[in-house]
C-alpha atoms as a PDB file:
ATOM      1  CA  UNK A   1     -14.376 -11.084   9.801  1.00  0.00           C
ATOM      2  CA  UNK A   2     -14.640  -7.793   7.847  1.00  0.00           C
ATOM      3  CA  UNK A   3     -17.704  -7.027   5.520  1.00  0.00           C
ATOM      4  CA  UNK A   4     -15.418  -6.186   2.643  1.00  0.00           C
ATOM      5  CA  UNK A   5     -12.021  -8.204   2.008  1.00  0.00           C
ATOM      6  CA  UNK A   6      -9.614  -6.721  -0.581  1.00  0.00           C
ATOM      7  CA  UNK A   7      -8.732 -10.170  -2.880  1.00  0.00           C
ATOM      8  CA  UNK A   8      -5.533  -9.699  -4.656  1.00  0.00           C
ATOM      9  CA  UNK A   9      -4.619 -11.894  -7.675  1.00  0.00           C
ATOM     10  CA  UNK A  10      -1.044 -12.934  -8.310  1.00  0.00           C
ATOM     11  CA  UNK A  11       0.560 -14.921 -10.761  1.00  0.00           C
ATOM     12  CA  UNK A  12       2.285 -17.244  -8.506  1.00  0.00           C
ATOM     13  CA  UNK A  13       3.582 -14.910  -5.414  1.00  0.00           C
ATOM     14  CA  UNK A  14       0.261 -14.899  -3.049  1.00  0.00           C
ATOM     15  CA  UNK A  15       2.633 -16.422  -0.523  1.00  0.00           C
ATOM     16  CA  UNK A  16       5.603 -14.362  -1.206  1.00  0.00           C
ATOM     17  CA  UNK A  17       3.361 -11.494  -0.877  1.00  0.00           C
ATOM     18  CA  UNK A  18       1.512 -11.924   2.242  1.00  0.00           C
ATOM     19  CA  UNK A  19       4.574 -12.695   3.724  1.00  0.00           C
ATOM     20  CA  UNK A  20       6.284  -9.292   2.485  1.00  0.00           C
ATOM     21  CA  UNK A  21       3.165  -7.371   3.684  1.00  0.00           C
ATOM     22  CA  UNK A  22       3.183  -8.806   7.243  1.00  0.00           C
ATOM     23  CA  UNK A  23       6.781  -8.463   7.586  1.00  0.00           C
ATOM     24  CA  UNK A  24       6.566  -4.295   6.793  1.00  0.00           C
ATOM     25  CA  UNK A  25       3.204  -3.682   8.885  1.00  0.00           C
ATOM     26  CA  UNK A  26       3.497  -3.997  12.542  1.00  0.00           C
ATOM     27  CA  UNK A  27       0.296  -5.286  13.870  1.00  0.00           C
ATOM     28  CA  UNK A  28       0.119  -7.525  10.701  1.00  0.00           C
ATOM     29  CA  UNK A  29      -0.270 -12.045  10.724  1.00  0.00           C
ATOM     30  CA  UNK A  30      -1.152 -14.431   8.053  1.00  0.00           C
ATOM     31  CA  UNK A  31      -4.373 -16.258   9.255  1.00  0.00           C
ATOM     32  CA  UNK A  32      -4.393 -19.152   6.729  1.00  0.00           C
ATOM     33  CA  UNK A  33      -3.583 -20.728   3.502  1.00  0.00           C
ATOM     34  CA  UNK A  34      -5.746 -22.981   1.356  1.00  0.00           C
ATOM     35  CA  UNK A  35      -3.818 -25.631  -1.173  1.00  0.00           C
ATOM     36  CA  UNK A  36      -5.009 -26.450  -4.621  1.00  0.00           C
ATOM     37  CA  UNK A  37      -7.179 -29.504  -4.455  1.00  0.00           C
ATOM     38  CA  UNK A  38      -6.708 -32.626  -7.167  1.00  0.00           C
ATOM     39  CA  UNK A  39      -8.563 -31.697 -10.202  1.00  0.00           C
ATOM     40  CA  UNK A  40      -8.750 -27.985  -9.163  1.00  0.00           C
ATOM     41  CA  UNK A  41      -7.447 -25.274 -12.023  1.00  0.00           C
ATOM     42  CA  UNK A  42      -4.079 -25.180  -9.817  1.00  0.00           C
ATOM     43  CA  UNK A  43      -1.191 -27.602  -9.543  1.00  0.00           C
ATOM     44  CA  UNK A  44      -2.303 -29.925  -6.711  1.00  0.00           C
ATOM     45  CA  UNK A  45      -0.693 -29.093  -3.130  1.00  0.00           C
ATOM     46  CA  UNK A  46       0.364 -25.509  -4.307  1.00  0.00           C
ATOM     47  CA  UNK A  47      -0.666 -22.423  -2.309  1.00  0.00           C
ATOM     48  CA  UNK A  48      -4.147 -21.264  -3.610  1.00  0.00           C
ATOM     49  CA  UNK A  49      -4.821 -18.354  -1.495  1.00  0.00           C
ATOM     50  CA  UNK A  50      -3.314 -16.548   1.720  1.00  0.00           C
ATOM     51  CA  UNK A  51      -5.377 -14.639   4.307  1.00  0.00           C
ATOM     52  CA  UNK A  52      -3.545 -11.976   6.170  1.00  0.00           C
ATOM     53  CA  UNK A  53      -4.215  -8.773   8.121  1.00  0.00           C
ATOM     54  CA  UNK A  54      -2.736  -5.723   7.802  1.00  0.00           C
ATOM     55  CA  UNK A  55      -3.865  -3.513  10.975  1.00  0.00           C
ATOM     56  CA  UNK A  56      -7.157  -5.585  11.495  1.00  0.00           C
ATOM     57  CA  UNK A  57      -7.902  -5.227   7.913  1.00  0.00           C
ATOM     58  CA  UNK A  58      -8.713  -8.405   6.248  1.00  0.00           C
ATOM     59  CA  UNK A  59      -6.614  -9.594   2.819  1.00  0.00           C
ATOM     60  CA  UNK A  60      -7.146 -12.788   0.586  1.00  0.00           C
ATOM     61  CA  UNK A  61      -4.153 -13.385  -1.624  1.00  0.00           C
ATOM     62  CA  UNK A  62      -4.776 -15.672  -4.543  1.00  0.00           C
ATOM     63  CA  UNK A  63      -2.307 -17.772  -6.862  1.00  0.00           C
ATOM     64  CA  UNK A  64      -4.605 -17.150 -10.006  1.00  0.00           C
ATOM     65  CA  UNK A  65      -1.946 -17.549 -12.816  1.00  0.00           C
ATOM     66  CA  UNK A  66      -1.087 -14.845 -15.016  1.00  0.00           C
ATOM     67  CA  UNK A  67      -4.590 -13.716 -16.643  1.00  0.00           C
ATOM     68  CA  UNK A  68      -4.615 -10.315 -14.668  1.00  0.00           C
ATOM     69  CA  UNK A  69      -2.163  -7.870 -13.718  1.00  0.00           C
ATOM     70  CA  UNK A  70      -2.588  -5.010 -10.808  1.00  0.00           C
ATOM     71  CA  UNK A  71      -3.337  -1.339 -12.124  1.00  0.00           C
ATOM     72  CA  UNK A  72      -2.863   2.391 -10.150  1.00  0.00           C
ATOM     73  CA  UNK A  73      -6.483   2.010 -10.672  1.00  0.00           C
ATOM     74  CA  UNK A  74      -6.612   0.560  -7.236  1.00  0.00           C
ATOM     75  CA  UNK A  75      -4.024   1.559  -4.544  1.00  0.00           C
ATOM     76  CA  UNK A  76      -3.746   1.338  -0.603  1.00  0.00           C
ATOM     77  CA  UNK A  77      -3.018   4.091   1.115  1.00  0.00           C
ATOM     78  CA  UNK A  78      -0.606   3.835   4.355  1.00  0.00           C
ATOM     79  CA  UNK A  79      -1.973   6.390   6.853  1.00  0.00           C
ATOM     80  CA  UNK A  80       1.202   7.831   8.832  1.00  0.00           C
ATOM     81  CA  UNK A  81       1.281   9.633  12.294  1.00  0.00           C
ATOM     82  CA  UNK A  82       4.626  11.423  11.382  1.00  0.00           C
ATOM     83  CA  UNK A  83       7.373  11.297   8.992  1.00  0.00           C
ATOM     84  CA  UNK A  84       9.330   8.609  10.728  1.00  0.00           C
ATOM     85  CA  UNK A  85       6.803   6.317   9.743  1.00  0.00           C
ATOM     86  CA  UNK A  86       6.379   7.635   6.274  1.00  0.00           C
ATOM     87  CA  UNK A  87       9.747   6.716   6.002  1.00  0.00           C
ATOM     88  CA  UNK A  88      10.042   3.351   7.166  1.00  0.00           C
ATOM     89  CA  UNK A  89       6.826   2.050   5.205  1.00  0.00           C
ATOM     90  CA  UNK A  90       8.152   4.090   2.137  1.00  0.00           C
ATOM     91  CA  UNK A  91      11.733   2.806   2.559  1.00  0.00           C
ATOM     92  CA  UNK A  92       9.817  -0.823   2.989  1.00  0.00           C
ATOM     93  CA  UNK A  93       7.197  -0.801   0.034  1.00  0.00           C
ATOM     94  CA  UNK A  94       9.986   1.026  -2.314  1.00  0.00           C
ATOM     95  CA  UNK A  95      12.411  -1.908  -1.503  1.00  0.00           C
ATOM     96  CA  UNK A  96      11.974  -3.863  -5.096  1.00  0.00           C
ATOM     97  CA  UNK A  97       9.408  -1.707  -6.197  1.00  0.00           C
ATOM     98  CA  UNK A  98       8.733   1.436  -8.454  1.00  0.00           C
ATOM     99  CA  UNK A  99       8.639   5.019  -6.454  1.00  0.00           C
ATOM    100  CA  UNK A 100       5.990   7.240  -7.754  1.00  0.00           C
ATOM    101  CA  UNK A 101       4.962  10.543  -7.691  1.00  0.00           C
ATOM    102  CA  UNK A 102       3.110  11.943  -4.450  1.00  0.00           C
ATOM    103  CA  UNK A 103       3.956   9.642  -2.302  1.00  0.00           C
ATOM    104  CA  UNK A 104       2.624   6.679  -4.123  1.00  0.00           C
ATOM    105  CA  UNK A 105       4.915   3.228  -4.883  1.00  0.00           C
ATOM    106  CA  UNK A 106       4.285   0.150  -7.056  1.00  0.00           C
ATOM    107  CA  UNK A 107       5.602  -2.487  -4.891  1.00  0.00           C
ATOM    108  CA  UNK A 108       7.826  -5.768  -6.342  1.00  0.00           C
ATOM    109  CA  UNK A 109       4.559  -7.275  -6.748  1.00  0.00           C
ATOM    110  CA  UNK A 110       2.823  -4.998  -8.603  1.00  0.00           C
ATOM    111  CA  UNK A 111       0.274  -3.752  -6.086  1.00  0.00           C
ATOM    112  CA  UNK A 112       0.013   0.401  -5.557  1.00  0.00           C
ATOM    113  CA  UNK A 113       0.287   1.951  -1.858  1.00  0.00           C
ATOM    114  CA  UNK A 114      -0.087   5.403  -1.272  1.00  0.00           C
ATOM    115  CA  UNK A 115       2.490   6.081   1.574  1.00  0.00           C
ATOM    116  CA  UNK A 116       0.970   9.369   3.371  1.00  0.00           C
ATOM    117  CA  UNK A 117       1.378  11.944   6.282  1.00  0.00           C
ATOM    118  CA  UNK A 118      -1.793  12.527   8.453  1.00  0.00           C
ATOM    119  CA  UNK A 119      -0.642  16.182   8.537  1.00  0.00           C
ATOM    120  CA  UNK A 120      -1.115  16.105   4.698  1.00  0.00           C
ATOM    121  CA  UNK A 121      -5.074  15.842   4.764  1.00  0.00           C
ATOM    122  CA  UNK A 122      -4.756  18.457   8.292  1.00  0.00           C
ATOM    123  CA  UNK A 123      -2.965  21.016   5.726  1.00  0.00           C
ATOM    124  CA  UNK A 124      -5.615  20.434   2.991  1.00  0.00           C
ATOM    125  CA  UNK A 125      -8.519  21.195   5.325  1.00  0.00           C
ATOM    126  CA  UNK A 126      -7.424  24.848   5.866  1.00  0.00           C
ATOM    127  CA  UNK A 127     -10.001  27.271   5.264  1.00  0.00           C
ATOM    128  CA  UNK A 128      -7.501  29.768   3.345  1.00  0.00           C
ATOM    129  CA  UNK A 129      -7.469  28.191  -0.226  1.00  0.00           C
ATOM    130  CA  UNK A 130      -4.459  29.314  -0.855  1.00  0.00           C
ATOM    131  CA  UNK A 131      -2.829  27.737   1.659  1.00  0.00           C
ATOM    132  CA  UNK A 132      -4.167  24.600   0.232  1.00  0.00           C
ATOM    133  CA  UNK A 133      -2.781  25.279  -3.105  1.00  0.00           C
ATOM    134  CA  UNK A 134       0.327  25.756  -1.624  1.00  0.00           C
ATOM    135  CA  UNK A 135       0.537  22.599  -0.290  1.00  0.00           C
ATOM    136  CA  UNK A 136      -0.563  21.143  -3.551  1.00  0.00           C
ATOM    137  CA  UNK A 137       1.875  22.489  -5.634  1.00  0.00           C
ATOM    138  CA  UNK A 138       4.541  21.464  -2.739  1.00  0.00           C
ATOM    139  CA  UNK A 139       3.301  17.834  -3.222  1.00  0.00           C
ATOM    140  CA  UNK A 140       3.223  17.416  -6.924  1.00  0.00           C
ATOM    141  CA  UNK A 141       6.689  17.757  -6.924  1.00  0.00           C
ATOM    142  CA  UNK A 142       7.509  15.499  -4.711  1.00  0.00           C
ATOM    143  CA  UNK A 143       7.806  11.813  -4.607  1.00  0.00           C
ATOM    144  CA  UNK A 144       8.099  10.548  -0.784  1.00  0.00           C
ATOM    145  CA  UNK A 145       5.793  13.445   0.861  1.00  0.00           C
ATOM    146  CA  UNK A 146       7.802  15.187   3.299  1.00  0.00           C
ATOM    147  CA  UNK A 147       6.199  16.422   6.244  1.00  0.00           C
ATOM    148  CA  UNK A 148       8.322  19.797   6.468  1.00  0.00           C
ATOM    149  CA  UNK A 149       8.801  21.045   2.982  1.00  0.00           C
ATOM    150  CA  UNK A 150       4.576  20.761   2.760  1.00  0.00           C
ATOM    151  CA  UNK A 151       3.902  22.748   6.281  1.00  0.00           C
ATOM    152  CA  UNK A 152       6.383  25.404   5.051  1.00  0.00           C
ATOM    153  CA  UNK A 153       4.541  25.360   1.871  1.00  0.00           C
ATOM    154  CA  UNK A 154       1.024  25.680   4.188  1.00  0.00           C
ATOM    155  CA  UNK A 155       3.223  28.680   6.151  1.00  0.00           C
ATOM    156  CA  UNK A 156       4.412  30.455   2.722  1.00  0.00           C
ATOM    157  CA  UNK A 157       7.993  30.138   3.768  1.00  0.00           C
END
């Protein structure tokens, strides 16, 4: 078990969200489901929480009702090894969601993700501040992040 577990409050879609996320990511599984007991705040027998794992990170999704909504103040970064991985996760998370600037996407459940190629971090670590500036300027013009144009900006092309 992880020391820290992200706890995601949904209205009524915790189970659907967990099923979606575990279908998007390769190393993922649903590890448990609890139901509201008699006399609890939720409808008896309905799903209360769903525990799931993405790449070994445990998450808990709660059907807590409409009291709270997600915001972009919290997001999850998906580190991608290459453009194929960026494209695959981007397409899956955008399905029913809203693409945002700089590789961000708000999925169909309102959760915000950043789909980021590892190459971006490597390019930002350049010792030449002009290279990093060009990469930043190129990234700010993108919705989905594309490695080739970021590398071209780094090289000054």
